[in-house]
Every structure is written in C-alpha cells, then in structure tokens.
Amino acid sequence: MIKLAVKYLSIVISIYILSMAVDTIMIYETDALLIMGVVLLIVNLVLKPILLLITLPFNVMTLGLFGFIVNAWTIMIADHFVYGISMGGFFNSLLAALVIVVIQHLLKDILQPSK
C-alpha cells in the first residue's frame, strides 16, 4: 500500500513541478492533476506490463532504456483520458517519465527506515 502511495505522490509532484517549469505542460484544474495521478497509476498497473512484454526485444537491445519510452507512452495514454491537463506531446511525456522515476526513488529513500 505504501508503494502505491509513493508512486501516486511521485506522479502528482512530478507533473506539478513540470507544469511550473515547462510552458507546454498545463494544468487547468487541481482536480485534473489528482485524477491524472490515479489514471496514470491504473494505466501503469494494467497496460504497462503488456507494453513492456511487446517491446521486450527493443528493451533488451537498449539495455532497459526503452522502458522510458514505454513510460512516456503510458503518460500519453493517461493524458488522453484526463481532461483539464495537457502534457504537450511525446518529449514532454518523456521528460515527465524521467522526473517521475527520479522523484519516486527519492521518496522511496526518504520513507524507508534506515537499517
């Protein structure tokens, strides 16, 4: 349950930070940002494993870097379903995927108790 909360928080924080930094990423409503987090979490849980399986040869050839492109695709799919938010295309989604991964790892390190 904590893993899902960390993923949700990293998605929402990343998209909010990117909307302030990049002009083409726009959030029109705060509710849309929260809904985008839920939709992207569901798309990542349901559709991402299928996409990773389909693109497995490319992922192996690029030593896992193609996974960022799959993440960008999932962000674009979630953006298509949520009104009130605009990611602005593939490269912004790719940047969002990178920032989401970085913030997710930072939150995971902060919230895990040290041994």
PDB file of N, CA and C in Angstrom:
ATOM      1  N   MET A   1       0.818  -1.192   0.000  1.00  0.00           N
ATOM      2  CA  MET A   1       0.000   0.000   0.000  1.00  0.00           C
ATOM      3  C   MET A   1       0.861   1.254   0.000  1.00  0.00           C
ATOM      4  N   ILE A   2       1.972   1.206   0.719  1.00  0.00           N
ATOM      5  CA  ILE A   2       2.870   2.352   0.759  1.00  0.00           C
ATOM      6  C   ILE A   2       3.537   2.554  -0.594  1.00  0.00           C
ATOM      7  N   LYS A   3       3.815   1.456  -1.302  1.00  0.00           N
ATOM      8  CA  LYS A   3       4.408   1.570  -2.631  1.00  0.00           C
ATOM      9  C   LYS A   3       3.487   2.338  -3.579  1.00  0.00           C
ATOM     10  N   LEU A   4       2.185   2.021  -3.525  1.00  0.00           N
ATOM     11  CA  LEU A   4       1.237   2.724  -4.381  1.00  0.00           C
ATOM     12  C   LEU A   4       1.137   4.198  -3.994  1.00  0.00           C
ATOM     13  N   ALA A   5       1.188   4.482  -2.712  1.00  0.00           N
ATOM     14  CA  ALA A   5       1.129   5.878  -2.257  1.00  0.00           C
ATOM     15  C   ALA A   5       2.359   6.651  -2.714  1.00  0.00           C
ATOM     16  N   VAL A   6       3.522   6.018  -2.659  1.00  0.00           N
ATOM     17  CA  VAL A   6       4.750   6.670  -3.121  1.00  0.00           C
ATOM     18  C   VAL A   6       4.679   6.914  -4.620  1.00  0.00           C
ATOM     19  N   LYS A   7       4.180   5.944  -5.377  1.00  0.00           N
ATOM     20  CA  LYS A   7       4.042   6.129  -6.820  1.00  0.00           C
ATOM     21  C   LYS A   7       3.067   7.249  -7.137  1.00  0.00           C
ATOM     22  N   TYR A   8       1.948   7.287  -6.427  1.00  0.00           N
ATOM     23  CA  TYR A   8       0.949   8.323  -6.660  1.00  0.00           C
ATOM     24  C   TYR A   8       1.520   9.706  -6.340  1.00  0.00           C
ATOM     25  N   LEU A   9       2.185   9.825  -5.198  1.00  0.00           N
ATOM     26  CA  LEU A   9       2.783  11.102  -4.820  1.00  0.00           C
ATOM     27  C   LEU A   9       3.846  11.552  -5.812  1.00  0.00           C
ATOM     28  N   SER A  10       4.659  10.616  -6.280  1.00  0.00           N
ATOM     29  CA  SER A  10       5.707  10.976  -7.234  1.00  0.00           C
ATOM     30  C   SER A  10       5.105  11.435  -8.556  1.00  0.00           C
ATOM     31  N   ILE A  11       4.009  10.834  -8.972  1.00  0.00           N
ATOM     32  CA  ILE A  11       3.343  11.247 -10.209  1.00  0.00           C
ATOM     33  C   ILE A  11       2.788  12.662 -10.064  1.00  0.00           C
ATOM     34  N   VAL A  12       2.063  12.901  -8.993  1.00  0.00           N
ATOM     35  CA  VAL A  12       1.428  14.206  -8.791  1.00  0.00           C
ATOM     36  C   VAL A  12       2.478  15.302  -8.616  1.00  0.00           C
ATOM     37  N   ILE A  13       3.486  15.057  -7.811  1.00  0.00           N
ATOM     38  CA  ILE A  13       4.534  16.059  -7.577  1.00  0.00           C
ATOM     39  C   ILE A  13       5.301  16.343  -8.863  1.00  0.00           C
ATOM     40  N   SER A  14       5.626  15.305  -9.609  1.00  0.00           N
ATOM     41  CA  SER A  14       6.394  15.480 -10.844  1.00  0.00           C
ATOM     42  C   SER A  14       5.634  16.292 -11.875  1.00  0.00           C
ATOM     43  N   ILE A  15       4.384  15.966 -12.074  1.00  0.00           N
ATOM     44  CA  ILE A  15       3.603  16.696 -13.080  1.00  0.00           C
ATOM     45  C   ILE A  15       3.400  18.136 -12.642  1.00  0.00           C
ATOM     46  N   TYR A  16       3.201  18.368 -11.352  1.00  0.00           N
ATOM     47  CA  TYR A  16       3.046  19.739 -10.866  1.00  0.00           C
ATOM     48  C   TYR A  16       4.332  20.545 -11.061  1.00  0.00           C
ATOM     49  N   ILE A  17       5.469  19.974 -10.713  1.00  0.00           N
ATOM     50  CA  ILE A  17       6.749  20.664 -10.883  1.00  0.00           C
ATOM     51  C   ILE A  17       7.018  20.933 -12.359  1.00  0.00           C
ATOM     52  N   LEU A  18       6.744  19.952 -13.202  1.00  0.00           N
ATOM     53  CA  LEU A  18       6.971  20.143 -14.634  1.00  0.00           C
ATOM     54  C   LEU A  18       6.033  21.188 -15.227  1.00  0.00           C
ATOM     55  N   SER A  19       4.810  21.292 -14.701  1.00  0.00           N
ATOM     56  CA  SER A  19       3.893  22.304 -15.221  1.00  0.00           C
ATOM     57  C   SER A  19       4.389  23.712 -14.897  1.00  0.00           C
ATOM     58  N   MET A  20       5.124  23.843 -13.805  1.00  0.00           N
ATOM     59  CA  MET A  20       5.696  25.152 -13.481  1.00  0.00           C
ATOM     60  C   MET A  20       6.962  25.427 -14.284  1.00  0.00           C
ATOM     61  N   ALA A  21       7.697  24.392 -14.646  1.00  0.00           N
ATOM     62  CA  ALA A  21       8.981  24.576 -15.326  1.00  0.00           C
ATOM     63  C   ALA A  21       8.861  24.609 -16.851  1.00  0.00           C
ATOM     64  N   VAL A  22       7.927  23.833 -17.413  1.00  0.00           N
ATOM     65  CA  VAL A  22       7.794  23.720 -18.868  1.00  0.00           C
ATOM     66  C   VAL A  22       6.499  24.406 -19.293  1.00  0.00           C
ATOM     67  N   ASP A  23       6.602  25.276 -20.286  1.00  0.00           N
ATOM     68  CA  ASP A  23       5.438  26.059 -20.704  1.00  0.00           C
ATOM     69  C   ASP A  23       4.348  25.233 -21.380  1.00  0.00           C
ATOM     70  N   THR A  24       4.705  24.148 -22.018  1.00  0.00           N
ATOM     71  CA  THR A  24       3.719  23.379 -22.777  1.00  0.00           C
ATOM     72  C   THR A  24       2.952  22.362 -21.945  1.00  0.00           C
ATOM     73  N   ILE A  25       3.365  22.128 -20.715  1.00  0.00           N
ATOM     74  CA  ILE A  25       2.616  21.254 -19.816  1.00  0.00           C
ATOM     75  C   ILE A  25       1.697  22.149 -18.988  1.00  0.00           C
ATOM     76  N   MET A  26       0.395  21.941 -19.147  1.00  0.00           N
ATOM     77  CA  MET A  26      -0.559  22.830 -18.494  1.00  0.00           C
ATOM     78  C   MET A  26      -1.544  22.040 -17.642  1.00  0.00           C
ATOM     79  N   ILE A  27      -1.801  22.566 -16.468  1.00  0.00           N
ATOM     80  CA  ILE A  27      -2.818  22.020 -15.570  1.00  0.00           C
ATOM     81  C   ILE A  27      -3.893  23.086 -15.434  1.00  0.00           C
ATOM     82  N   TYR A  28      -5.090  22.756 -15.894  1.00  0.00           N
ATOM     83  CA  TYR A  28      -6.173  23.724 -15.865  1.00  0.00           C
ATOM     84  C   TYR A  28      -6.972  23.653 -14.563  1.00  0.00           C
ATOM     85  N   GLU A  29      -7.003  22.497 -13.935  1.00  0.00           N
ATOM     86  CA  GLU A  29      -7.743  22.312 -12.688  1.00  0.00           C
ATOM     87  C   GLU A  29      -6.919  21.439 -11.741  1.00  0.00           C
ATOM     88  N   THR A  30      -7.045  21.706 -10.463  1.00  0.00           N
ATOM     89  CA  THR A  30      -6.322  20.901  -9.484  1.00  0.00           C
ATOM     90  C   THR A  30      -6.870  19.480  -9.422  1.00  0.00           C
ATOM     91  N   ASP A  31      -8.176  19.360  -9.608  1.00  0.00           N
ATOM     92  CA  ASP A  31      -8.775  18.024  -9.612  1.00  0.00           C
ATOM     93  C   ASP A  31      -8.211  17.173 -10.743  1.00  0.00           C
ATOM     94  N   ALA A  32      -7.922  17.809 -11.876  1.00  0.00           N
ATOM     95  CA  ALA A  32      -7.377  17.083 -13.020  1.00  0.00           C
ATOM     96  C   ALA A  32      -6.008  16.496 -12.692  1.00  0.00           C
ATOM     97  N   LEU A  33      -5.218  17.215 -11.905  1.00  0.00           N
ATOM     98  CA  LEU A  33      -3.903  16.704 -11.504  1.00  0.00           C
ATOM     99  C   LEU A  33      -4.045  15.466 -10.625  1.00  0.00           C
ATOM    100  N   LEU A  34      -4.982  15.506  -9.689  1.00  0.00           N
ATOM    101  CA  LEU A  34      -5.196  14.357  -8.807  1.00  0.00           C
ATOM    102  C   LEU A  34      -5.771  13.168  -9.578  1.00  0.00           C
ATOM    103  N   ILE A  35      -6.673  13.447 -10.516  1.00  0.00           N
ATOM    104  CA  ILE A  35      -7.241  12.378 -11.341  1.00  0.00           C
ATOM    105  C   ILE A  35      -6.170  11.801 -12.265  1.00  0.00           C
ATOM    106  N   MET A  36      -5.292  12.665 -12.788  1.00  0.00           N
ATOM    107  CA  MET A  36      -4.202  12.196 -13.649  1.00  0.00           C
ATOM    108  C   MET A  36      -3.309  11.216 -12.894  1.00  0.00           C
ATOM    109  N   GLY A  37      -3.062  11.478 -11.623  1.00  0.00           N
ATOM    110  CA  GLY A  37      -2.263  10.560 -10.813  1.00  0.00           C
ATOM    111  C   GLY A  37      -2.913   9.192 -10.695  1.00  0.00           C
ATOM    112  N   VAL A  38      -4.224   9.176 -10.474  1.00  0.00           N
ATOM    113  CA  VAL A  38      -4.946   7.901 -10.340  1.00  0.00           C
ATOM    114  C   VAL A  38      -4.978   7.163 -11.672  1.00  0.00           C
ATOM    115  N   VAL A  39      -5.281   7.895 -12.751  1.00  0.00           N
ATOM    116  CA  VAL A  39      -5.371   7.254 -14.076  1.00  0.00           C
ATOM    117  C   VAL A  39      -4.012   6.712 -14.505  1.00  0.00           C
ATOM    118  N   LEU A  40      -2.958   7.493 -14.288  1.00  0.00           N
ATOM    119  CA  LEU A  40      -1.623   7.017 -14.663  1.00  0.00           C
ATOM    120  C   LEU A  40      -1.208   5.822 -13.822  1.00  0.00           C
ATOM    121  N   LEU A  41      -1.592   5.811 -12.565  1.00  0.00           N
ATOM    122  CA  LEU A  41      -1.294   4.658 -11.715  1.00  0.00           C
ATOM    123  C   LEU A  41      -2.006   3.414 -12.228  1.00  0.00           C
ATOM    124  N   ILE A  42      -3.262   3.547 -12.632  1.00  0.00           N
ATOM    125  CA  ILE A  42      -4.023   2.407 -13.169  1.00  0.00           C
ATOM    126  C   ILE A  42      -3.443   1.950 -14.502  1.00  0.00           C
ATOM    127  N   VAL A  43      -3.095   2.909 -15.376  1.00  0.00           N
ATOM    128  CA  VAL A  43      -2.504   2.548 -16.673  1.00  0.00           C
ATOM    129  C   VAL A  43      -1.173   1.830 -16.456  1.00  0.00           C
ATOM    130  N   ASN A  44      -0.379   2.305 -15.495  1.00  0.00           N
ATOM    131  CA  ASN A  44       0.896   1.640 -15.210  1.00  0.00           C
ATOM    132  C   ASN A  44       0.711   0.237 -14.662  1.00  0.00           C
ATOM    133  N   LEU A  45      -0.342   0.025 -13.880  1.00  0.00           N
ATOM    134  CA  LEU A  45      -0.576  -1.305 -13.316  1.00  0.00           C
ATOM    135  C   LEU A  45      -1.159  -2.284 -14.324  1.00  0.00           C
ATOM    136  N   VAL A  46      -1.978  -1.792 -15.258  1.00  0.00           N
ATOM    137  CA  VAL A  46      -2.680  -2.682 -16.174  1.00  0.00           C
ATOM    138  C   VAL A  46      -1.982  -2.785 -17.525  1.00  0.00           C
ATOM    139  N   LEU A  47      -1.675  -1.648 -18.123  1.00  0.00           N
ATOM    140  CA  LEU A  47      -1.217  -1.635 -19.509  1.00  0.00           C
ATOM    141  C   LEU A  47       0.302  -1.709 -19.661  1.00  0.00           C
ATOM    142  N   LYS A  48       1.034  -1.167 -18.706  1.00  0.00           N
ATOM    143  CA  LYS A  48       2.483  -1.121 -18.827  1.00  0.00           C
ATOM    144  C   LYS A  48       3.143  -2.503 -18.926  1.00  0.00           C
ATOM    145  N   PRO A  49       2.720  -3.510 -18.145  1.00  0.00           N
ATOM    146  CA  PRO A  49       3.344  -4.834 -18.317  1.00  0.00           C
ATOM    147  C   PRO A  49       3.124  -5.419 -19.714  1.00  0.00           C
ATOM    148  N   ILE A  50       1.965  -5.160 -20.286  1.00  0.00           N
ATOM    149  CA  ILE A  50       1.688  -5.652 -21.644  1.00  0.00           C
ATOM    150  C   ILE A  50       2.597  -4.954 -22.646  1.00  0.00           C
ATOM    151  N   LEU A  51       2.734  -3.628 -22.521  1.00  0.00           N
ATOM    152  CA  LEU A  51       3.612  -2.882 -23.422  1.00  0.00           C
ATOM    153  C   LEU A  51       5.068  -3.301 -23.263  1.00  0.00           C
ATOM    154  N   LEU A  52       5.488  -3.547 -22.039  1.00  0.00           N
ATOM    155  CA  LEU A  52       6.868  -3.996 -21.821  1.00  0.00           C
ATOM    156  C   LEU A  52       7.110  -5.379 -22.415  1.00  0.00           C
ATOM    157  N   LEU A  53       6.118  -6.236 -22.365  1.00  0.00           N
ATOM    158  CA  LEU A  53       6.259  -7.565 -22.963  1.00  0.00           C
ATOM    159  C   LEU A  53       6.336  -7.473 -24.486  1.00  0.00           C
ATOM    160  N   ILE A  54       5.518  -6.610 -25.068  1.00  0.00           N
ATOM    161  CA  ILE A  54       5.533  -6.447 -26.524  1.00  0.00           C
ATOM    162  C   ILE A  54       6.859  -5.854 -26.995  1.00  0.00           C
ATOM    163  N   THR A  55       7.401  -4.919 -26.243  1.00  0.00           N
ATOM    164  CA  THR A  55       8.638  -4.243 -26.640  1.00  0.00           C
ATOM    165  C   THR A  55       9.886  -4.866 -26.019  1.00  0.00           C
ATOM    166  N   LEU A  56       9.778  -6.077 -25.546  1.00  0.00           N
ATOM    167  CA  LEU A  56      10.900  -6.738 -24.876  1.00  0.00           C
ATOM    168  C   LEU A  56      12.173  -6.802 -25.729  1.00  0.00           C
ATOM    169  N   PRO A  57      12.101  -7.136 -27.025  1.00  0.00           N
ATOM    170  CA  PRO A  57      13.349  -7.157 -27.804  1.00  0.00           C
ATOM    171  C   PRO A  57      14.059  -5.799 -27.853  1.00  0.00           C
ATOM    172  N   PHE A  58      13.284  -4.719 -28.001  1.00  0.00           N
ATOM    173  CA  PHE A  58      13.896  -3.388 -28.011  1.00  0.00           C
ATOM    174  C   PHE A  58      14.465  -3.034 -26.643  1.00  0.00           C
ATOM    175  N   ASN A  59      13.779  -3.465 -25.607  1.00  0.00           N
ATOM    176  CA  ASN A  59      14.241  -3.194 -24.253  1.00  0.00           C
ATOM    177  C   ASN A  59      15.549  -3.934 -23.969  1.00  0.00           C
ATOM    178  N   VAL A  60      15.667  -5.132 -24.477  1.00  0.00           N
ATOM    179  CA  VAL A  60      16.900  -5.910 -24.291  1.00  0.00           C
ATOM    180  C   VAL A  60      18.044  -5.278 -25.091  1.00  0.00           C
ATOM    181  N   MET A  61      17.754  -4.873 -26.323  1.00  0.00           N
ATOM    182  CA  MET A  61      18.803  -4.279 -27.167  1.00  0.00           C
ATOM    183  C   MET A  61      19.315  -2.950 -26.607  1.00  0.00           C
ATOM    184  N   THR A  62      18.453  -2.183 -25.941  1.00  0.00           N
ATOM    185  CA  THR A  62      18.872  -0.890 -25.401  1.00  0.00           C
ATOM    186  C   THR A  62      19.232  -0.974 -23.925  1.00  0.00           C
ATOM    187  N   LEU A  63      19.334  -2.179 -23.403  1.00  0.00           N
ATOM    188  CA  LEU A  63      19.700  -2.434 -22.008  1.00  0.00           C
ATOM    189  C   LEU A  63      18.745  -1.743 -21.028  1.00  0.00           C
ATOM    190  N   GLY A  64      17.466  -1.751 -21.369  1.00  0.00           N
ATOM    191  CA  GLY A  64      16.434  -1.235 -20.479  1.00  0.00           C
ATOM    192  C   GLY A  64      16.047   0.209 -20.686  1.00  0.00           C
ATOM    193  N   LEU A  65      16.758   0.933 -21.531  1.00  0.00           N
ATOM    194  CA  LEU A  65      16.439   2.344 -21.740  1.00  0.00           C
ATOM    195  C   LEU A  65      15.131   2.548 -22.516  1.00  0.00           C
ATOM    196  N   PHE A  66      14.703   1.549 -23.250  1.00  0.00           N
ATOM    197  CA  PHE A  66      13.434   1.660 -23.968  1.00  0.00           C
ATOM    198  C   PHE A  66      12.265   1.707 -22.988  1.00  0.00           C
ATOM    199  N   GLY A  67      12.498   1.323 -21.762  1.00  0.00           N
ATOM    200  CA  GLY A  67      11.468   1.406 -20.735  1.00  0.00           C
ATOM    201  C   GLY A  67      11.001   2.840 -20.505  1.00  0.00           C
ATOM    202  N   PHE A  68      11.907   3.816 -20.681  1.00  0.00           N
ATOM    203  CA  PHE A  68      11.492   5.215 -20.555  1.00  0.00           C
ATOM    204  C   PHE A  68      10.509   5.603 -21.653  1.00  0.00           C
ATOM    205  N   ILE A  69      10.687   5.049 -22.824  1.00  0.00           N
ATOM    206  CA  ILE A  69       9.751   5.328 -23.916  1.00  0.00           C
ATOM    207  C   ILE A  69       8.399   4.701 -23.611  1.00  0.00           C
ATOM    208  N   VAL A  70       8.397   3.515 -23.052  1.00  0.00           N
ATOM    209  CA  VAL A  70       7.134   2.882 -22.644  1.00  0.00           C
ATOM    210  C   VAL A  70       6.459   3.724 -21.556  1.00  0.00           C
ATOM    211  N   ASN A  71       7.248   4.257 -20.625  1.00  0.00           N
ATOM    212  CA  ASN A  71       6.691   5.139 -19.602  1.00  0.00           C
ATOM    213  C   ASN A  71       6.085   6.395 -20.233  1.00  0.00           C
ATOM    214  N   ALA A  72       6.756   6.951 -21.232  1.00  0.00           N
ATOM    215  CA  ALA A  72       6.220   8.130 -21.923  1.00  0.00           C
ATOM    216  C   ALA A  72       4.909   7.784 -22.627  1.00  0.00           C
ATOM    217  N   TRP A  73       4.837   6.595 -23.206  1.00  0.00           N
ATOM    218  CA  TRP A  73       3.582   6.173 -23.856  1.00  0.00           C
ATOM    219  C   TRP A  73       2.454   6.070 -22.843  1.00  0.00           C
ATOM    220  N   THR A  74       2.744   5.524 -21.669  1.00  0.00           N
ATOM    221  CA  THR A  74       1.690   5.401 -20.660  1.00  0.00           C
ATOM    222  C   THR A  74       1.231   6.775 -20.187  1.00  0.00           C
ATOM    223  N   ILE A  75       2.150   7.723 -20.093  1.00  0.00           N
ATOM    224  CA  ILE A  75       1.768   9.086 -19.713  1.00  0.00           C
ATOM    225  C   ILE A  75       0.896   9.708 -20.803  1.00  0.00           C
ATOM    226  N   MET A  76       1.224   9.468 -22.052  1.00  0.00           N
ATOM    227  CA  MET A  76       0.410   9.999 -23.146  1.00  0.00           C
ATOM    228  C   MET A  76      -0.973   9.356 -23.162  1.00  0.00           C
ATOM    229  N   ILE A  77      -1.049   8.082 -22.857  1.00  0.00           N
ATOM    230  CA  ILE A  77      -2.351   7.398 -22.795  1.00  0.00           C
ATOM    231  C   ILE A  77      -3.190   7.973 -21.662  1.00  0.00           C
ATOM    232  N   ALA A  78      -2.582   8.153 -20.495  1.00  0.00           N
ATOM    233  CA  ALA A  78      -3.311   8.723 -19.360  1.00  0.00           C
ATOM    234  C   ALA A  78      -3.735  10.161 -19.656  1.00  0.00           C
ATOM    235  N   ASP A  79      -2.887  10.913 -20.344  1.00  0.00           N
ATOM    236  CA  ASP A  79      -3.215  12.294 -20.714  1.00  0.00           C
ATOM    237  C   ASP A  79      -4.419  12.342 -21.634  1.00  0.00           C
ATOM    238  N   HIS A  80      -4.551  11.337 -22.472  1.00  0.00           N
ATOM    239  CA  HIS A  80      -5.685  11.272 -23.396  1.00  0.00           C
ATOM    240  C   HIS A  80      -7.013  11.114 -22.649  1.00  0.00           C
ATOM    241  N   PHE A  81      -6.996  10.435 -21.516  1.00  0.00           N
ATOM    242  CA  PHE A  81      -8.223  10.159 -20.770  1.00  0.00           C
ATOM    243  C   PHE A  81      -8.602  11.246 -19.769  1.00  0.00           C
ATOM    244  N   VAL A  82      -7.675  12.102 -19.406  1.00  0.00           N
ATOM    245  CA  VAL A  82      -7.933  13.112 -18.367  1.00  0.00           C
ATOM    246  C   VAL A  82      -8.114  14.477 -19.024  1.00  0.00           C
ATOM    247  N   TYR A  83      -9.251  15.105 -18.777  1.00  0.00           N
ATOM    248  CA  TYR A  83      -9.497  16.456 -19.253  1.00  0.00           C
ATOM    249  C   TYR A  83      -9.048  17.435 -18.181  1.00  0.00           C
ATOM    250  N   GLY A  84      -8.553  18.566 -18.589  1.00  0.00           N
ATOM    251  CA  GLY A  84      -8.103  19.564 -17.636  1.00  0.00           C
ATOM    252  C   GLY A  84      -6.604  19.555 -17.430  1.00  0.00           C
ATOM    253  N   ILE A  85      -5.897  18.728 -18.189  1.00  0.00           N
ATOM    254  CA  ILE A  85      -4.441  18.672 -18.121  1.00  0.00           C
ATOM    255  C   ILE A  85      -3.927  18.376 -19.524  1.00  0.00           C
ATOM    256  N   SER A  86      -2.815  19.007 -19.888  1.00  0.00           N
ATOM    257  CA  SER A  86      -2.236  18.802 -21.212  1.00  0.00           C
ATOM    258  C   SER A  86      -0.735  18.615 -21.063  1.00  0.00           C
ATOM    259  N   MET A  87      -0.243  17.469 -21.498  1.00  0.00           N
ATOM    260  CA  MET A  87       1.184  17.176 -21.375  1.00  0.00           C
ATOM    261  C   MET A  87       1.996  17.766 -22.519  1.00  0.00           C
ATOM    262  N   GLY A  88       1.375  18.037 -23.640  1.00  0.00           N
ATOM    263  CA  GLY A  88       2.074  18.735 -24.714  1.00  0.00           C
ATOM    264  C   GLY A  88       2.916  17.877 -25.635  1.00  0.00           C
ATOM    265  N   GLY A  89       2.723  16.583 -25.674  1.00  0.00           N
ATOM    266  CA  GLY A  89       3.419  15.760 -26.658  1.00  0.00           C
ATOM    267  C   GLY A  89       4.368  14.739 -26.071  1.00  0.00           C
ATOM    268  N   PHE A  90       5.075  14.071 -26.977  1.00  0.00           N
ATOM    269  CA  PHE A  90       5.917  12.933 -26.597  1.00  0.00           C
ATOM    270  C   PHE A  90       7.123  13.350 -25.767  1.00  0.00           C
ATOM    271  N   PHE A  91       7.825  14.394 -26.181  1.00  0.00           N
ATOM    272  CA  PHE A  91       9.056  14.755 -25.475  1.00  0.00           C
ATOM    273  C   PHE A  91       8.774  15.261 -24.064  1.00  0.00           C
ATOM    274  N   ASN A  92       7.670  15.966 -23.886  1.00  0.00           N
ATOM    275  CA  ASN A  92       7.282  16.369 -22.532  1.00  0.00           C
ATOM    276  C   ASN A  92       6.906  15.149 -21.698  1.00  0.00           C
ATOM    277  N   SER A  93       6.263  14.170 -22.309  1.00  0.00           N
ATOM    278  CA  SER A  93       5.925  12.938 -21.594  1.00  0.00           C
ATOM    279  C   SER A  93       7.183  12.158 -21.232  1.00  0.00           C
ATOM    280  N   LEU A  94       8.166  12.178 -22.126  1.00  0.00           N
ATOM    281  CA  LEU A  94       9.434  11.514 -21.840  1.00  0.00           C
ATOM    282  C   LEU A  94      10.165  12.201 -20.684  1.00  0.00           C
ATOM    283  N   LEU A  95      10.141  13.523 -20.679  1.00  0.00           N
ATOM    284  CA  LEU A  95      10.732  14.279 -19.573  1.00  0.00           C
ATOM    285  C   LEU A  95       9.987  13.991 -18.276  1.00  0.00           C
ATOM    286  N   ALA A  96       8.659  13.922 -18.352  1.00  0.00           N
ATOM    287  CA  ALA A  96       7.858  13.608 -17.171  1.00  0.00           C
ATOM    288  C   ALA A  96       8.181  12.213 -16.649  1.00  0.00           C
ATOM    289  N   ALA A  97       8.376  11.257 -17.552  1.00  0.00           N
ATOM    290  CA  ALA A  97       8.721   9.889 -17.139  1.00  0.00           C
ATOM    291  C   ALA A  97      10.049   9.876 -16.388  1.00  0.00           C
ATOM    292  N   LEU A  98      11.005  10.628 -16.883  1.00  0.00           N
ATOM    293  CA  LEU A  98      12.311  10.691 -16.216  1.00  0.00           C
ATOM    294  C   LEU A  98      12.194  11.333 -14.837  1.00  0.00           C
ATOM    295  N   VAL A  99      11.457  12.429 -14.748  1.00  0.00           N
ATOM    296  CA  VAL A  99      11.316  13.125 -13.463  1.00  0.00           C
ATOM    297  C   VAL A  99      10.519  12.277 -12.472  1.00  0.00           C
ATOM    298  N   ILE A 100       9.502  11.568 -12.955  1.00  0.00           N
ATOM    299  CA  ILE A 100       8.711  10.697 -12.079  1.00  0.00           C
ATOM    300  C   ILE A 100       9.581   9.606 -11.468  1.00  0.00           C
ATOM    301  N   VAL A 101      10.445   9.013 -12.275  1.00  0.00           N
ATOM    302  CA  VAL A 101      11.327   7.957 -11.767  1.00  0.00           C
ATOM    303  C   VAL A 101      12.283   8.518 -10.716  1.00  0.00           C
ATOM    304  N   VAL A 102      12.845   9.690 -10.983  1.00  0.00           N
ATOM    305  CA  VAL A 102      13.793  10.288 -10.035  1.00  0.00           C
ATOM    306  C   VAL A 102      13.093  10.620  -8.711  1.00  0.00           C
ATOM    307  N   ILE A 103      11.931  11.267  -8.786  1.00  0.00           N
ATOM    308  CA  ILE A 103      11.213  11.643  -7.561  1.00  0.00           C
ATOM    309  C   ILE A 103      10.719  10.402  -6.819  1.00  0.00           C
ATOM    310  N   GLN A 104      10.316   9.372  -7.573  1.00  0.00           N
ATOM    311  CA  GLN A 104       9.870   8.133  -6.929  1.00  0.00           C
ATOM    312  C   GLN A 104      11.008   7.500  -6.126  1.00  0.00           C
ATOM    313  N   HIS A 105      12.206   7.484  -6.687  1.00  0.00           N
ATOM    314  CA  HIS A 105      13.342   6.919  -5.951  1.00  0.00           C
ATOM    315  C   HIS A 105      13.722   7.782  -4.752  1.00  0.00           C
ATOM    316  N   LEU A 106      13.631   9.099  -4.896  1.00  0.00           N
ATOM    317  CA  LEU A 106      13.915   9.974  -3.762  1.00  0.00           C
ATOM    318  C   LEU A 106      12.906   9.770  -2.637  1.00  0.00           C
ATOM    319  N   LEU A 107      11.623   9.683  -2.978  1.00  0.00           N
ATOM    320  CA  LEU A 107      10.598   9.455  -1.957  1.00  0.00           C
ATOM    321  C   LEU A 107      10.749   8.090  -1.302  1.00  0.00           C
ATOM    322  N   LYS A 108      11.108   7.104  -2.106  1.00  0.00           N
ATOM    323  CA  LYS A 108      11.298   5.762  -1.555  1.00  0.00           C
ATOM    324  C   LYS A 108      12.464   5.745  -0.564  1.00  0.00           C
ATOM    325  N   ASP A 109      13.539   6.462  -0.889  1.00  0.00           N
ATOM    326  CA  ASP A 109      14.684   6.528   0.023  1.00  0.00           C
ATOM    327  C   ASP A 109      14.338   7.290   1.296  1.00  0.00           C
ATOM    328  N   ILE A 110      13.530   8.336   1.173  1.00  0.00           N
ATOM    329  CA  ILE A 110      13.178   9.130   2.341  1.00  0.00           C
ATOM    330  C   ILE A 110      12.247   8.350   3.273  1.00  0.00           C
ATOM    331  N   LEU A 111      11.275   7.630   2.691  1.00  0.00           N
ATOM    332  CA  LEU A 111      10.270   6.977   3.502  1.00  0.00           C
ATOM    333  C   LEU A 111      10.687   5.616   4.062  1.00  0.00           C
ATOM    334  N   GLN A 112      11.744   5.026   3.515  1.00  0.00           N
ATOM    335  CA  GLN A 112      12.209   3.746   4.050  1.00  0.00           C
ATOM    336  C   GLN A 112      13.024   3.977   5.310  1.00  0.00           C
ATOM    337  N   PRO A 113      12.744   3.217   6.335  1.00  0.00           N
ATOM    338  CA  PRO A 113      13.565   3.362   7.553  1.00  0.00           C
ATOM    339  C   PRO A 113      14.971   2.823   7.313  1.00  0.00           C
ATOM    340  N   SER A 114      15.943   3.498   7.875  1.00  0.00           N
ATOM    341  CA  SER A 114      17.321   3.048   7.707  1.00  0.00           C
ATOM    342  C   SER A 114      17.593   1.838   8.598  1.00  0.00           C
ATOM    343  N   LYS A 115      18.503   1.000   8.157  1.00  0.00           N
ATOM    344  CA  LYS A 115      18.811  -0.236   8.885  1.00  0.00           C
ATOM    345  C   LYS A 115      19.911  -0.034   9.878  1.00  0.00           C
TER     346      LYS A 115
END
